[in-house]
Protein backbone atom coordinates (compact mmCIF):
# COMPACT_ATOMS: atom_id res chain seq x y z
CA MET A 1 171.15 3.01 277.37
CA VAL A 2 173.11 0.36 279.42
CA ARG A 3 177.00 0.07 278.20
CA THR A 4 178.58 -2.67 278.52
CA ALA A 5 182.75 -3.19 277.96
CA LEU A 6 182.08 -4.69 274.88
CA GLY A 7 184.95 -3.08 272.65
CA ARG A 8 185.01 -1.52 269.60
CA THR A 9 185.01 -4.80 267.17
CA GLY A 10 182.25 -6.03 270.07
CA ILE A 11 179.96 -3.19 269.29
CA ALA A 12 179.89 -3.23 265.64
CA THR A 13 179.76 -6.73 265.05
CA ALA A 14 176.68 -7.00 267.43
CA ILE A 15 174.94 -4.11 266.11
CA MET A 16 175.45 -6.07 261.80
CA MET A 17 173.92 -9.51 263.74
CA LEU A 18 170.90 -7.38 265.23
CA ALA A 19 170.50 -5.50 262.02
CA MET A 20 170.62 -9.32 260.19
CA ALA A 21 168.25 -10.14 263.18
CA GLY A 22 165.53 -7.42 262.45
CA ALA A 23 166.43 -6.33 265.57
CA VAL A 24 167.29 -3.31 265.16
CA ARG A 25 164.46 -0.72 263.51
CA ALA A 26 165.76 1.49 260.96
CA GLU A 27 165.13 5.62 262.44
CA ALA A 28 163.78 8.22 259.91
CA PRO A 29 166.18 7.96 257.51
CA SER A 30 167.65 11.84 256.71
CA PRO A 31 167.31 12.50 252.89
CA LEU A 32 170.32 12.33 250.71
CA VAL A 33 170.53 14.47 247.69
CA PRO A 34 173.56 14.07 245.21
CA GLY A 35 175.64 16.98 245.56
CA GLN A 36 174.40 18.01 249.28
CA GLU A 37 176.41 17.73 251.99
CA ILE A 38 175.28 16.53 255.72
CA ALA A 39 176.84 16.56 258.22
CA GLY A 40 176.84 14.32 261.47
CA ARG A 41 177.69 14.09 264.89
CA ALA A 42 177.12 10.25 266.12
CA GLU A 43 177.58 7.43 268.58
CA ALA A 44 176.18 5.16 267.53
CA ARG A 45 174.16 5.06 263.94
CA ARG A 46 172.17 6.90 261.86
CA LEU A 47 170.66 6.12 258.77
CA PHE A 48 170.28 8.21 255.68
CA ASP A 49 168.81 7.53 251.84
CA PRO A 50 170.26 8.00 249.03
CA GLN A 51 166.92 7.78 247.44
CA ALA A 52 168.22 5.50 245.02
CA MET A 53 166.05 3.06 242.54
CA PRO A 54 167.27 -1.05 241.96
CA GLY A 55 170.27 -0.60 239.08
CA ASP A 56 171.00 3.13 240.03
CA TYR A 57 174.44 3.74 240.12
CA ILE A 58 175.67 6.02 243.09
CA LYS A 59 179.19 7.26 244.00
CA GLY A 60 179.66 9.37 247.57
CA ARG A 61 181.82 10.30 250.17
CA ILE A 62 182.77 10.42 253.39
CA ASN A 63 184.70 12.40 255.26
CA VAL A 64 185.50 11.99 258.48
CA GLY A 65 186.95 14.67 260.93
CA GLU A 66 187.19 13.05 264.13
CA GLY A 67 186.50 9.78 265.47
CA ARG A 68 186.54 6.31 262.77
CA PHE A 69 183.19 5.46 261.42
CA ASP A 70 181.77 2.34 259.65
CA LEU A 71 179.77 3.05 256.20
CA ASP A 72 177.13 0.04 256.00
CA LEU A 73 174.52 -0.24 252.65
CA VAL A 74 171.26 -1.53 254.41
CA ASP A 75 168.16 -3.28 253.11
CA GLY A 76 164.37 -1.43 253.88
CA GLU A 77 164.19 -3.41 257.08
CA GLY A 78 167.45 -2.24 258.32
CA ARG A 79 169.52 -6.16 257.60
CA HIS A 80 173.12 -5.43 256.34
CA VAL A 81 173.84 -5.87 252.86
CA ARG A 82 177.27 -4.11 252.06
CA ARG A 83 180.23 -2.94 253.91
CA LEU A 84 181.04 0.44 251.95
CA ALA A 85 183.84 1.69 254.77
CA GLU A 86 185.77 0.50 257.29
CA ASP A 87 187.00 2.26 260.38
CA ALA A 88 186.95 4.99 258.21
CA THR A 89 189.37 8.17 259.22
CA GLY A 90 189.94 10.98 256.66
CA VAL A 91 188.31 11.09 253.14
CA ALA A 92 186.77 7.12 251.85
CA GLU A 93 185.04 6.93 249.03
CA PHE A 94 182.40 4.34 247.96
CA GLN A 95 180.49 3.12 244.78
CA PHE A 96 177.58 0.65 244.35
CA VAL A 97 174.42 -0.42 242.64
CA ALA A 98 171.59 -0.36 244.47
CA GLY A 99 169.85 -3.38 244.66
CA SER A 100 166.81 -3.16 245.78
CA ALA A 101 164.26 -0.12 246.56
CA GLY A 102 164.85 1.19 249.90
CA GLU A 103 168.45 0.23 250.32
CA ARG A 104 169.71 3.17 252.93
CA LEU A 105 173.40 3.67 254.01
CA ALA A 106 174.29 3.08 257.93
CA VAL A 107 176.58 5.06 259.53
CA THR A 108 178.51 3.57 262.46
CA ALA A 109 180.43 5.41 265.36
CA GLY A 110 183.27 3.81 266.75
CA GLN A 111 183.79 3.91 270.55
CA ALA A 112 183.38 7.78 271.05
CA ALA A 113 181.53 10.08 269.55
CA GLY A 114 183.07 11.25 265.95
CA LEU A 115 182.42 13.91 263.73
CA TYR A 116 181.59 13.23 260.01
CA ARG A 117 180.32 14.72 256.49
CA LEU A 118 178.76 12.03 253.90
CA LEU A 119 178.30 13.51 250.51
CA ILE A 120 176.13 11.52 247.29
CA ASP A 121 178.55 13.18 244.57
CA ARG A 122 176.70 11.17 241.60
CA ARG A 123 173.48 8.70 241.31
CA ILE A 124 173.45 8.10 237.33
CA THR A 125 169.85 5.92 237.03
CA VAL A 126 169.53 2.86 234.56
CA ALA A 127 168.31 4.97 231.22
CA GLU A 128 171.39 6.83 231.54
CA GLN A 129 173.76 4.35 232.47
CA GLN A 130 174.45 4.95 228.09
CA ALA A 131 178.47 5.12 226.84
CA PRO A 132 178.72 8.56 225.17
CA PRO A 133 179.41 7.67 221.49
CA PRO A 134 182.68 7.52 220.19
CA ALA A 135 184.33 10.07 218.92
CA TYR A 136 185.96 10.01 215.80
CA LEU A 137 189.21 12.33 214.78
CA SER A 138 188.78 11.68 211.44
CA PRO A 139 185.56 13.58 209.74
CA GLU A 140 185.42 11.17 207.57
CA ILE A 141 184.68 8.48 209.57
CA ALA A 142 182.50 9.70 211.66
CA ARG A 143 180.03 11.23 208.80
CA MET A 144 180.27 7.22 207.58
CA ALA A 145 179.45 6.38 211.04
CA ALA A 146 176.16 8.59 211.25
CA SER A 147 175.17 6.91 207.43
CA LEU A 148 175.93 3.59 208.71
CA ALA A 149 173.53 4.76 212.19
CA ARG A 150 170.70 5.29 208.95
CA GLY A 151 171.45 2.32 207.52
CA GLU A 152 173.42 3.20 204.71
CA THR A 153 175.65 1.03 203.02
CA THR A 154 179.62 1.52 202.83
CA ASP A 155 179.57 1.07 199.05
CA ALA A 156 180.15 4.34 198.20
CA PHE A 157 182.10 5.30 200.66
CA TRP A 158 184.73 2.19 199.70
CA LYS A 159 184.82 3.88 195.67
CA ARG A 160 185.75 6.59 197.17
CA ILE A 161 188.54 4.98 198.54
CA GLU A 162 189.56 2.90 195.71
CA GLU A 163 189.48 6.23 193.71
CA ARG A 164 191.93 8.53 195.95
CA GLY A 165 194.08 5.67 197.56
CA THR A 166 194.90 4.99 201.35
CA PRO A 167 195.90 6.09 204.06
CA LEU A 168 193.06 8.27 204.38
CA VAL A 169 194.47 12.09 204.31
CA GLU A 170 192.60 15.46 205.98
CA ASP A 171 193.16 19.00 207.90
CA GLY A 172 193.86 18.06 211.42
CA PRO A 173 193.94 21.31 214.33
CA ASP A 174 196.57 22.99 214.57
CA GLY A 175 198.37 22.68 211.93
CA THR A 176 198.24 18.66 211.53
CA VAL A 177 196.93 16.32 209.46
CA ILE A 178 194.47 13.14 210.45
CA VAL A 179 196.15 10.03 209.00
CA THR A 180 193.83 7.02 208.68
CA PHE A 181 194.53 3.53 207.41
CA LEU A 182 192.29 1.62 206.07
CA GLY A 183 191.64 -2.11 205.82
CA ARG A 184 188.53 -4.11 204.45
CA GLY A 185 188.00 -8.15 204.27
CA ALA A 186 189.35 -9.15 207.67
CA GLN A 187 187.64 -11.58 210.53
CA ARG A 188 188.91 -11.04 213.48
CA ASN A 189 191.86 -8.22 213.07
CA ILE A 190 193.74 -5.97 211.14
CA ARG A 191 197.27 -4.81 212.63
CA LEU A 192 199.02 -1.90 211.63
CA PHE A 193 202.92 -2.34 211.72
CA GLY A 194 204.44 0.53 211.94
CA ALA A 195 202.03 2.91 212.85
CA PRO A 196 202.88 6.61 214.01
CA SER A 197 202.73 5.47 217.81
CA GLY A 198 205.74 3.47 217.26
CA ASP A 199 204.05 0.38 217.83
CA HIS A 200 201.86 -2.15 216.86
CA GLU A 201 198.66 -0.53 216.49
CA GLU A 202 195.04 -2.56 216.29
CA LEU A 203 192.33 -1.18 213.89
CA GLN A 204 188.79 -0.74 215.14
CA ARG A 205 186.03 -2.24 213.20
CA LEU A 206 183.08 0.84 212.33
CA ASP A 207 179.67 -0.37 213.95
CA GLY A 208 179.73 -3.64 212.55
CA SER A 209 180.56 -3.08 208.78
CA ASP A 210 183.53 -4.02 206.89
CA ILE A 211 185.29 -1.19 207.83
CA TRP A 212 188.21 -1.31 209.39
CA PHE A 213 190.14 2.03 210.54
CA ARG A 214 192.45 3.35 213.29
CA SER A 215 193.21 7.28 212.51
CA PHE A 216 196.61 9.61 214.10
CA ALA A 217 197.20 13.34 214.66
CA VAL A 218 200.59 13.59 212.81
CA PRO A 219 203.03 16.36 211.74
CA ALA A 220 202.54 17.75 208.03
CA GLY A 221 205.94 16.66 207.21
CA THR A 222 205.57 13.06 207.86
CA ARG A 223 207.32 10.43 205.79
CA LEU A 224 206.51 6.78 207.11
CA SER A 225 206.57 3.27 205.25
CA TYR A 226 204.20 0.05 206.90
CA GLN A 227 202.08 -2.65 205.77
CA LEU A 228 198.86 -4.02 206.94
CA ALA A 229 198.54 -7.77 209.17
CA PHE A 230 195.03 -9.75 208.10
CA ASP A 231 193.66 -11.59 211.27
CA VAL A 232 196.99 -11.99 212.54
CA PRO A 233 196.66 -15.28 214.61
CA ASP A 234 196.17 -15.39 218.34
CA LEU A 235 199.31 -17.94 219.05
CA PRO A 236 199.96 -19.44 222.84
CA GLY A 237 202.82 -18.95 224.16
CA SER A 238 205.10 -15.86 225.03
CA ALA A 239 204.08 -12.21 224.67
CA ARG A 240 206.95 -11.81 222.24
CA GLU A 241 205.99 -14.91 220.38
CA ARG A 242 202.46 -13.72 219.89
CA ARG A 243 203.58 -10.70 218.86
CA VAL A 244 206.26 -11.64 216.19
CA ALA A 245 203.02 -13.89 214.72
CA ILE A 246 202.25 -9.96 213.32
CA LEU A 247 204.46 -11.12 210.62
CA SER A 248 202.61 -13.96 209.54
CA THR A 249 200.37 -11.91 207.88
CA ALA A 250 201.71 -8.47 207.41
CA ARG A 251 201.58 -7.34 204.11
CA ALA A 252 201.93 -4.03 201.83
CA ASP A 253 198.45 -2.19 201.96
CA PRO A 254 196.20 -3.40 199.30
CA LEU A 255 194.73 -0.07 198.79
CA ASN A 256 197.19 2.12 198.74
CA PRO A 257 199.58 2.40 195.62
CA HIS A 258 202.45 3.65 196.56
CA ARG A 259 204.87 0.94 197.49
CA TRP A 260 208.64 0.58 198.53
CA PRO A 261 211.14 -0.79 197.33
CA ALA A 262 208.88 -1.48 194.05
CA GLU A 263 210.83 -4.24 192.75
CA ALA A 264 210.32 -6.25 195.74
CA MET A 265 209.35 -9.95 194.81
CA ASP A 266 205.46 -9.59 196.33
CA ASP A 267 203.89 -7.39 198.43
CA TYR A 268 204.93 -9.39 201.75
CA ASN A 269 208.57 -7.89 201.27
CA GLN A 270 207.21 -4.61 200.16
CA ASP A 271 205.64 -1.71 202.37
CA SER A 272 203.86 1.01 201.27
CA VAL A 273 204.42 4.33 201.68
CA LEU A 274 202.53 7.87 203.77
CA GLU A 275 204.68 11.07 202.54
CA LEU A 276 202.56 14.03 203.32
CA PRO A 277 203.28 17.19 201.22
CA GLY A 278 205.42 18.75 203.99
CA ALA A 279 207.71 15.77 204.03
CA PRO A 280 211.02 16.96 203.22
CA PRO A 281 212.63 15.96 199.55
CA GLN A 282 215.11 13.36 199.18
CA PRO A 283 216.16 14.70 196.41
CA PHE A 284 219.55 11.59 195.49
CA VAL A 285 217.09 8.53 195.58
CA ALA A 286 215.50 8.77 192.31
CA ALA A 287 217.21 7.26 189.55
CA SER A 288 219.33 10.50 187.90
CA GLY A 289 221.15 9.06 185.01
CA ALA A 290 224.50 10.18 186.72
CA PRO A 291 227.76 8.33 186.32
CA GLN A 292 227.95 5.48 187.74
CA GLY A 293 230.93 4.11 190.11
CA THR A 294 231.45 0.70 190.70
CA LEU A 295 230.97 -1.76 193.49
CA SER A 296 233.89 -4.66 193.85
CA HIS A 297 233.26 -7.58 196.87
CA ILE A 298 236.13 -9.36 199.00
CA GLU A 299 235.81 -11.62 202.14
CA MET A 300 236.97 -10.29 204.94
CA ALA A 301 238.42 -12.99 207.60
CA SER A 302 239.29 -11.43 211.16
CA ARG A 303 241.43 -13.32 213.64
CA ILE A 304 240.43 -10.58 216.39
CA LEU A 305 236.41 -12.23 215.80
CA GLY A 306 236.84 -15.60 214.54
CA ASN A 307 235.10 -14.99 211.83
CA SER A 308 234.42 -13.63 208.31
CA ARG A 309 232.16 -11.63 206.29
CA ASP A 310 231.32 -9.87 203.09
CA ILE A 311 232.63 -6.31 202.02
CA THR A 312 231.78 -4.34 199.17
CA ILE A 313 233.59 -1.26 198.30
CA TYR A 314 232.10 1.45 196.48
CA ARG A 315 234.21 3.65 194.10
CA PRO A 316 233.11 6.65 192.59
CA PRO A 317 232.81 7.74 189.60
CA GLY A 318 236.13 8.84 187.33
CA PHE A 319 237.98 7.31 190.94
CA ASP A 320 241.18 8.92 191.87
CA PRO A 321 242.95 8.01 194.92
CA ALA A 322 244.90 11.06 195.45
CA HIS A 323 242.08 12.68 195.19
CA LYS A 324 242.90 16.05 198.48
CA ASP A 325 238.90 16.03 199.69
CA ILE A 326 238.13 12.30 199.23
CA VAL A 327 235.78 11.25 201.72
CA LEU A 328 235.95 7.16 203.19
CA LEU A 329 232.76 5.99 204.11
CA PHE A 330 232.34 2.72 205.87
CA MET A 331 228.39 1.82 206.07
CA PHE A 332 227.17 -0.84 208.76
CA ASP A 333 224.00 -3.15 207.35
CA ALA A 334 225.27 -4.02 204.09
CA ASP A 335 222.92 -6.00 202.67
CA GLN A 336 219.96 -3.01 203.92
CA TYR A 337 222.15 -0.16 202.07
CA LEU A 338 222.90 -1.97 198.92
CA GLU A 339 219.26 -3.05 197.90
CA LYS A 340 216.64 -1.17 200.05
CA VAL A 341 218.51 1.94 200.58
CA PRO A 342 219.83 1.89 197.03
CA LEU A 343 223.01 4.50 198.07
CA PRO A 344 225.35 3.34 195.47
CA ARG A 345 222.79 5.10 193.80
CA ILE A 346 222.05 7.84 196.20
CA LEU A 347 226.46 8.83 196.23
CA ASP A 348 226.36 8.75 192.20
CA THR A 349 223.82 11.16 192.22
CA MET A 350 225.08 13.09 195.06
CA ILE A 351 228.66 13.08 193.74
CA ALA A 352 227.64 14.42 190.03
CA ARG A 353 225.65 17.88 191.72
CA GLY A 354 228.38 18.17 193.87
CA ALA A 355 226.88 18.11 197.16
CA VAL A 356 229.56 15.67 198.33
CA PRO A 357 233.29 15.36 197.57
CA PRO A 358 233.83 11.95 196.01
CA VAL A 359 233.53 9.06 198.33
CA VAL A 360 234.85 5.17 198.35
CA ALA A 361 232.08 3.69 201.06
CA VAL A 362 232.78 0.55 202.64
CA PHE A 363 229.78 -1.65 203.09
CA VAL A 364 230.28 -3.85 206.15
CA ALA A 365 227.82 -6.74 206.16
CA ASN A 366 227.07 -9.28 209.21
CA PRO A 367 227.77 -12.55 208.98
CA ASP A 368 224.56 -13.90 210.38
CA ARG A 369 221.66 -11.62 212.48
CA ALA A 370 223.07 -13.50 216.19
CA ALA A 371 226.33 -11.74 214.95
CA ARG A 372 224.77 -8.45 214.19
CA ALA A 373 222.97 -8.59 217.87
CA ARG A 374 226.33 -9.16 219.55
CA GLU A 375 228.82 -7.12 217.25
CA LEU A 376 227.42 -3.84 216.90
CA PRO A 377 225.81 -2.78 220.31
CA GLY A 378 229.40 -2.15 222.72
CA ASN A 379 231.94 -4.67 221.61
CA ALA A 380 235.46 -3.86 221.65
CA ASP A 381 236.36 -6.18 220.00
CA PHE A 382 234.34 -5.12 217.38
CA ALA A 383 235.61 -1.94 217.39
CA ASP A 384 239.65 -3.50 217.20
CA PHE A 385 238.47 -5.31 214.02
CA MET A 386 237.68 -1.95 212.40
CA ALA A 387 240.65 -0.26 213.64
CA GLY A 388 243.36 -2.38 212.87
CA GLU A 389 242.05 -5.52 210.55
CA LEU A 390 239.69 -3.65 208.29
CA TYR A 391 240.56 -0.27 207.61
CA PRO A 392 244.13 -0.97 206.55
CA ARG A 393 242.68 -3.75 204.31
CA VAL A 394 240.96 -0.66 202.37
CA LEU A 395 243.27 1.33 202.15
CA ALA A 396 245.45 -1.58 200.62
CA GLU A 397 242.76 -2.65 198.22
CA THR A 398 241.77 1.24 196.79
CA GLY A 399 245.19 3.27 197.63
CA ILE A 400 243.67 5.91 199.19
CA ARG A 401 244.93 7.28 202.86
CA PRO A 402 241.94 9.79 204.20
CA SER A 403 242.95 11.74 207.35
CA ALA A 404 240.99 10.62 210.15
CA GLU A 405 239.01 13.57 209.77
CA ARG A 406 237.42 12.95 206.37
CA THR A 407 236.69 9.30 207.75
CA VAL A 408 233.32 8.37 208.73
CA LEU A 409 231.53 5.71 210.02
CA ALA A 410 227.70 5.26 209.82
CA GLY A 411 224.93 3.45 210.31
CA SER A 412 221.00 2.85 211.68
CA SER A 413 219.78 1.51 214.92
CA TYR A 414 222.52 -0.68 216.00
CA GLY A 415 225.00 0.41 213.35
CA GLY A 416 224.05 3.87 214.36
CA LEU A 417 224.70 2.96 217.64
CA ALA A 418 227.75 1.16 216.63
CA ALA A 419 229.11 4.06 214.67
CA ALA A 420 229.66 6.02 218.07
CA THR A 421 231.53 3.46 219.67
CA VAL A 422 233.50 2.09 217.68
CA ALA A 423 235.17 5.87 216.91
CA LEU A 424 235.00 6.65 220.34
CA ARG A 425 237.26 3.23 220.73
CA HIS A 426 239.19 4.70 218.07
CA PRO A 427 238.71 8.49 217.25
CA GLU A 428 242.50 7.92 215.78
CA THR A 429 240.82 6.51 212.45
CA PHE A 430 237.65 7.39 212.53
CA GLY A 431 237.55 11.03 212.63
CA ALA A 432 233.29 11.09 212.42
CA VAL A 433 230.25 9.68 213.28
CA LEU A 434 227.05 9.62 211.01
CA SER A 435 224.17 8.17 213.42
CA MET A 436 220.58 7.54 212.51
CA SER A 437 218.10 6.22 215.15
CA GLY A 438 221.10 5.06 216.54
CA SER A 439 220.08 2.37 219.63
CA PHE A 440 221.95 5.20 222.60
CA TRP A 441 218.83 3.19 225.15
CA TRP A 442 221.25 0.22 225.10
CA SER A 443 224.05 -0.17 227.84
CA PRO A 444 225.73 -3.64 228.61
CA SER A 445 223.81 -6.32 231.13
CA GLY A 446 224.49 -5.12 234.70
CA THR A 447 224.32 -1.69 234.48
CA PRO A 448 222.77 0.47 236.56
CA ASP A 449 219.44 1.53 236.04
CA ASP A 450 220.82 5.58 236.47
CA ARG A 451 223.16 4.90 233.89
CA LYS A 452 221.49 2.97 231.35
CA GLU A 453 221.94 6.10 228.41
CA TYR A 454 225.64 3.65 227.99
CA VAL A 455 227.34 6.10 224.93
CA ALA A 456 226.26 9.23 226.68
CA GLY A 457 227.94 8.30 230.22
CA LEU A 458 231.39 7.43 228.37
CA VAL A 459 231.28 10.95 226.28
CA ALA A 460 230.73 12.91 229.63
CA ALA A 461 233.04 10.19 231.58
CA ALA A 462 236.50 10.85 228.97
CA PRO A 463 238.43 13.81 227.62
CA ALA A 464 236.03 15.15 224.86
CA PRO A 465 237.05 13.40 222.00
CA PRO A 466 238.17 14.63 218.15
CA LEU A 467 235.03 13.86 216.32
CA ARG A 468 232.38 15.48 214.64
CA PHE A 469 228.52 14.12 214.58
CA PHE A 470 225.49 13.66 212.73
CA LEU A 471 222.51 12.58 214.41
CA SER A 472 219.45 12.16 213.97
CA ALA A 473 216.04 10.52 215.04
CA GLY A 474 212.30 9.92 214.57
CA ILE A 475 210.19 12.01 216.16
CA PHE A 476 207.31 8.42 216.43
CA GLU A 477 210.85 6.44 218.19
CA THR A 478 209.44 7.25 221.59
CA GLY A 479 209.75 5.03 224.04
CA SER A 480 207.47 2.58 226.26
CA GLY A 481 207.39 1.03 229.39
CA GLY A 482 208.98 3.57 231.41
CA THR A 483 211.83 3.17 228.96
CA ALA A 484 213.67 6.16 227.83
CA GLY A 485 213.40 5.32 223.32
CA ILE A 486 216.16 6.59 220.52
CA LEU A 487 213.95 10.15 219.90
CA ASP A 488 214.38 10.67 223.59
CA THR A 489 217.85 9.24 224.06
CA SER A 490 219.46 10.59 221.04
CA ARG A 491 218.49 14.21 222.09
CA HIS A 492 220.63 12.84 225.32
CA LEU A 493 223.24 12.82 223.59
CA ARG A 494 223.47 15.25 221.81
CA ASP A 495 223.25 17.48 225.01
CA VAL A 496 225.92 16.32 226.09
CA LEU A 497 228.36 16.19 223.45
CA GLN A 498 227.76 19.80 222.79
CA ALA A 499 228.43 20.26 226.66
CA ARG A 500 231.68 18.73 226.15
CA GLY A 501 232.02 20.88 223.40
CA VAL A 502 231.91 18.15 220.79
CA PRO A 503 230.97 19.08 217.55
CA VAL A 504 227.84 17.65 216.61
CA ILE A 505 224.69 18.31 214.32
CA TYR A 506 220.95 17.00 214.92
CA ARG A 507 218.36 16.53 213.63
CA ASP A 508 214.60 15.05 214.35
CA TYR A 509 212.36 13.45 211.34
CA ALA A 510 208.53 13.12 211.22
CA GLY A 511 208.84 9.90 210.97
CA GLY A 512 210.20 6.32 212.82
CA HIS A 513 212.50 3.03 213.31
CA ASP A 514 212.34 3.68 208.82
CA TYR A 515 214.15 2.84 206.01
CA LEU A 516 212.00 4.87 204.48
CA VAL A 517 213.80 8.26 206.40
CA TRP A 518 216.89 6.75 206.43
CA GLN A 519 217.93 6.63 202.73
CA GLY A 520 217.16 10.28 203.25
CA ALA A 521 218.91 11.25 206.59
CA ILE A 522 222.09 9.19 205.34
CA SER A 523 222.36 12.37 201.93
CA ASP A 524 221.56 15.16 205.11
CA GLY A 525 224.35 13.34 207.10
CA LEU A 526 227.03 13.30 204.60
CA THR A 527 226.10 16.70 203.26
CA ALA A 528 226.51 18.03 206.60
CA LEU A 529 229.69 16.59 207.67
CA PHE A 530 231.25 16.81 204.23
CA PRO A 531 230.17 19.87 202.71
CA GLN A 532 231.55 20.98 199.28
CA ARG A 533 234.23 23.88 200.06
């Protein structure tokens, strides 16, 4: 052979052009069997037969030990079809679908001889290219899928479901429970609002039937509220606008008889309830016939904040402002804790049963949603309003004189965050924090990425505050997209408080970001922070 001064690119191009013109005749190819590795040492080109038929899927790799190689797919006449690896060194993986019988793999060396090993890892024929049958977490759904495959209808299934109600609950592995949410009657989609995953979840349609389902393995102590959204519209606009569209059709599950709150105006303003037998008791929620406290209302104008809000004050039955053990509770998000969570009734029952000392509760309303988002997360002015304006007004209205140790700030979500930040700014006034699913992922705009947990940073950077904490979070409140969620940040804050020697009680609940969970957690927090003597 006459060698020319052509460079590497020139050689490869010339060979390709000759092959495309049919001038390079294919020498006898070496058979290449899946799983059998063939080693080669080449200066030019060598052919291999993957023994593929049209439509076969081929996956393999070339492992280059020395030199550089191109790997091409050529037809039975040696004409170029596809470049699979170019100038390869090390390990280069490849895959293709055979287009015609007789296709070959061509290995072409670079400017100098080299060493390589060629291997076909998998060859899957057209007949074998079938997706595995779906694996169903729920045994009942798996049986139903088999019934549908036999041509049976869903009538008997729905009759059973209507008798027992939804969700479908079955025993799961390792002490878990398999919960399957079910829907019927949708045309396009059903979404689950309040899923154990902590996100909106799509229900799947079973084999083109009228059964829509989504299954989860959850702890045996799970308690949660949820809604189903039927045929949620797909809207143009931002991702948030499309996500919020779920609220347009979300409603209580038609097949679940357990709804909350019971007195809601309609099922769009009502949630369905799942409470597994192992869920922790909420002994103070139900009406008990206990003596009732009284509610009074004042309008509180703030010079600091430049706005005003409604304040509701709960006085316990037989209220005595001189009682030495009286507890003063400030509760954020007043509307939710006066209506959705019946906290006055809960306090009536707790006090009557001796679970807590007498409690005066101050329900702090938000002027509007925008004010809530502006005031509750780490707002120094709001903290000063609480300590310098609202607190003195409450003392004047009630005549009580509680110590800071017996004054507690309580809230959930942003309210739980506010309970911590207000107390950290004014521990001389507020000595206890009761935070339920506090938004401890929050940080002010512009905070560096390595300092995103604002409250944990405050605690770590300052002298240990004279405070006591009750923190709780739901195990379904995990983060997404690489962002820490409420569960992780609450646990981290617990660890930081413990490291600083600050008394902290922490509890996880098998639930999510949910008032149904918080209506029990508020009692747990009060009894933990203020046990009866």
